Protein backbone atom coordinates (compact mmCIF):
# COMPACT_ATOMS: atom_id res chain seq x y z
CA MET A 1 0.00 0.00 0.00
CA ALA A 2 1.34 3.42 -0.91
CA SER A 3 2.40 6.00 1.62
CA ASN A 4 3.49 9.57 0.83
CA THR A 5 4.21 10.28 -2.82
CA ILE A 6 5.07 13.42 -4.71
CA GLY A 7 3.35 13.77 -8.08
CA THR A 8 4.87 15.31 -11.20
CA ASP A 9 2.88 18.44 -10.31
CA GLY A 10 4.74 18.64 -6.98
CA VAL A 11 1.68 17.78 -4.88
CA VAL A 12 2.49 15.66 -1.83
CA LEU A 13 -0.03 12.88 -1.18
CA ARG A 14 0.09 11.92 2.50
CA ASP A 15 -1.49 8.48 2.75
CA ALA A 16 -2.23 7.87 6.42
CA ARG A 17 -3.52 4.36 5.73
CA SER A 18 -0.04 2.86 5.90
CA ARG A 19 2.58 5.44 6.90
CA TYR A 20 2.79 4.34 10.55
CA ARG A 21 3.34 0.65 9.88
CA THR A 22 6.72 -0.57 11.14
CA ALA A 23 7.75 -2.04 7.77
CA GLN A 24 7.00 1.29 6.07
CA ARG A 25 8.88 3.39 8.68
CA GLU A 26 11.95 1.14 8.67
CA GLU A 27 12.12 0.35 4.94
CA ASN A 28 15.71 0.26 3.64
CA GLY A 29 17.06 1.69 6.92
CA ALA A 30 14.81 4.77 6.86
CA ARG A 31 14.84 7.03 9.92
CA GLY A 32 11.03 7.12 10.09
CA ALA A 33 7.94 7.40 7.90
CA TYR A 34 8.89 10.69 6.26
CA ASP A 35 12.38 9.52 5.28
CA ALA A 36 11.02 6.27 3.80
CA GLU A 37 8.17 8.00 1.96
CA ILE A 38 10.26 10.66 0.28
CA ARG A 39 12.94 8.12 -0.73
CA ARG A 40 10.28 5.77 -2.08
CA GLY A 41 8.99 8.60 -4.27
CA GLY A 42 12.47 9.26 -5.66
CA GLY A 43 13.03 12.37 -3.56
CA ALA A 44 15.88 13.50 -1.35
CA PRO A 45 14.63 13.69 2.26
CA ARG A 46 16.39 16.03 4.64
CA THR A 47 15.36 17.03 8.13
CA GLU A 48 16.66 19.79 10.37
CA VAL A 49 15.99 18.83 13.99
CA ASP A 50 16.01 20.81 17.24
CA VAL A 51 15.54 18.80 20.45
CA ARG A 52 14.86 20.53 23.75
CA ARG A 53 12.85 20.35 26.95
CA GLU A 54 10.14 22.86 27.72
CA THR A 55 6.62 23.20 29.07
CA ALA A 56 4.07 21.99 26.52
CA PRO A 57 1.31 24.30 25.28
CA ALA A 58 -1.90 23.89 27.31
CA ASP A 59 -3.75 21.83 24.67
CA VAL A 60 -0.82 19.42 24.33
CA ALA A 61 -0.27 19.21 28.10
CA GLU A 62 -3.92 18.23 28.51
CA LEU A 63 -3.55 15.41 25.97
CA LEU A 64 -0.30 14.20 27.56
CA GLY A 65 -1.76 14.45 31.06
CA SER A 66 1.25 16.51 32.13
CA ASP A 67 1.61 20.19 32.92
CA GLY A 68 5.34 19.85 33.48
CA GLU A 69 8.34 19.63 31.22
CA VAL A 70 8.20 17.54 28.01
CA VAL A 71 10.70 16.68 25.30
CA VAL A 72 10.13 18.69 22.13
CA ARG A 73 11.40 17.57 18.73
CA ALA A 74 10.92 20.50 16.31
CA ARG A 75 11.66 19.63 12.69
CA GLN A 76 11.77 21.26 9.30
CA MET A 77 11.32 18.53 6.70
CA PHE A 78 12.56 18.97 3.16
CA ASP A 79 12.59 17.23 -0.19
CA GLY A 80 15.95 18.43 -1.46
CA ASP A 81 15.88 22.18 -0.90
CA ARG A 82 12.07 22.40 -0.84
CA LEU A 83 10.61 22.76 2.64
CA ILE A 84 7.66 20.35 2.77
CA GLN A 85 6.39 20.76 6.33
CA LEU A 86 7.05 22.02 9.85
CA VAL A 87 6.62 19.34 12.51
CA THR A 88 6.73 19.59 16.30
CA THR A 89 6.48 16.49 18.48
CA TYR A 90 5.86 16.56 22.24
CA ILE A 91 6.82 13.49 24.29
CA PRO A 92 6.55 12.89 28.07
CA VAL A 93 10.05 13.03 29.59
CA ASP A 94 9.86 9.50 31.06
CA VAL A 95 8.91 8.06 27.66
CA ALA A 96 11.61 10.03 25.83
CA GLN A 97 14.27 8.92 28.32
CA ALA A 98 13.23 5.26 28.18
CA ALA A 99 13.10 5.33 24.38
CA GLY A 100 16.31 7.33 23.97
CA VAL A 101 14.78 9.93 21.65
CA GLU A 102 16.44 13.09 22.95
CA GLN A 103 19.20 12.92 20.35
CA ILE A 104 18.98 14.22 16.77
CA ASP A 105 19.22 10.82 15.02
CA THR A 106 16.81 8.34 16.56
CA GLY A 107 17.85 5.48 14.30
CA VAL A 108 16.02 3.20 11.92
CA GLY A 109 12.25 3.68 12.14
CA GLY A 110 12.50 6.90 14.15
CA ILE A 111 10.85 7.70 17.47
CA ILE A 112 7.87 5.38 17.04
CA SER A 113 10.21 2.38 16.66
CA ARG A 114 12.28 3.48 19.67
CA MET A 115 9.11 3.86 21.76
CA ARG A 116 7.92 0.39 20.74
CA GLU A 117 11.27 -1.12 21.76
CA ALA A 118 11.03 0.65 25.14
CA GLY A 119 7.57 -0.79 25.83
CA TYR A 120 5.53 2.20 24.63
CA ASP A 121 4.08 0.68 21.46
CA GLN A 122 1.47 3.00 20.01
CA GLY A 123 -0.94 0.15 19.53
CA THR A 124 -3.35 -0.32 16.70
CA GLU A 125 -4.54 3.20 15.92
CA ALA A 126 -3.70 6.88 16.13
CA THR A 127 -5.97 9.90 16.06
CA GLU A 128 -5.33 12.71 13.59
CA ASP A 129 -7.30 15.94 13.57
CA VAL A 130 -6.95 18.03 10.40
CA ALA A 131 -7.71 21.75 10.42
CA LEU A 132 -7.28 24.79 8.20
CA ARG A 133 -6.01 27.97 9.82
CA ALA A 134 -4.01 31.10 9.12
CA ALA A 135 -0.23 30.70 9.21
CA THR A 136 1.70 32.50 11.90
CA ALA A 137 4.32 34.98 10.72
CA ASP A 138 7.11 32.45 11.44
CA GLU A 139 5.30 29.63 9.64
CA ALA A 140 4.52 31.82 6.62
CA ASN A 141 8.14 32.96 6.42
CA ALA A 142 9.51 29.41 6.64
CA LEU A 143 7.03 27.99 4.11
CA GLY A 144 7.34 30.91 1.68
CA LEU A 145 3.72 31.98 2.13
CA ALA A 146 2.10 35.36 2.64
CA GLU A 147 1.50 36.11 6.30
CA GLY A 148 -1.99 34.92 7.21
CA ALA A 149 -2.15 32.48 4.27
CA SER A 150 -4.00 29.26 4.99
CA VAL A 151 -2.10 26.20 6.17
CA LEU A 152 -3.35 22.71 6.87
CA THR A 153 -2.51 21.31 10.27
CA ILE A 154 -2.52 17.70 11.37
CA ASN A 155 -2.57 17.03 15.10
CA HIS A 156 -1.42 13.41 15.52
CA VAL A 157 -2.01 11.72 18.90
CA GLY A 158 -0.30 8.38 19.52
CA ARG A 159 -1.55 6.20 22.38
CA THR A 160 -0.46 2.90 23.85
CA ASP A 161 -3.03 0.08 23.94
CA ASP A 162 -3.82 1.01 27.56
CA GLY A 163 -4.70 4.57 26.45
CA ARG A 164 -1.63 6.52 27.57
CA VAL A 165 -0.75 9.36 25.18
CA VAL A 166 2.98 9.03 24.44
CA GLU A 167 3.24 11.42 21.49
CA VAL A 168 1.50 14.53 20.21
CA THR A 169 2.81 15.66 16.84
CA GLN A 170 1.68 18.83 15.14
CA HIS A 171 2.29 19.06 11.39
CA VAL A 172 1.99 22.38 9.53
CA LEU A 173 1.60 22.01 5.77
CA GLY A 174 1.80 24.78 3.19
CA ASP A 175 0.67 24.66 -0.43
CA GLY A 176 0.64 21.43 -2.41
CA TRP A 177 -0.76 18.75 -0.12
CA LYS A 178 -3.47 16.12 -0.48
CA LEU A 179 -4.46 13.96 2.50
CA ARG A 180 -5.80 10.41 2.21
CA TYR A 181 -7.54 8.45 4.97
CA SER A 182 -9.73 5.35 5.05
CA VAL A 183 -12.65 4.84 7.38
CA PRO A 184 -14.59 1.69 8.22
CA LEU A 185 -18.05 1.52 6.67
CA VAL A 186 -19.48 -1.02 9.08
């Protein structure tokens, strides 16, 4: 099953039906879903990563069940020189320490694989909320958009089978995206 692809028109198709599967994330030594997807499409993935600890925004803290310090992985993700998306992941400190994800390179499969190995497998489903909003000045500048231009956001929440939220990832997408999901019809 396909994952992300980039069409000849430059549109990025983000196919959530398979991108989080272990085999997809770890394909050919990839450092996570994004790395595998862009390589699979013939692109040149590159990620600039900043890892730090800070207090999570209120909405994220509520999801994580923590109003204290969290590990933040802020990333700019490129295909070659083209910035594709801005991504910020918030992880509870105990999970990040156990999984060893406070360094820049988290190894084959990325943070989701490291969490699984540390006993924080994200189970059988994730929740993703998609919204359209105005870009902040910083987002517009980074993505080459006019200030206030519309951006798509994806708020990904990863939970263990017992319901603990171990990851909240916020994606900010500029122009040129198409999202694909499947839903049960039963």
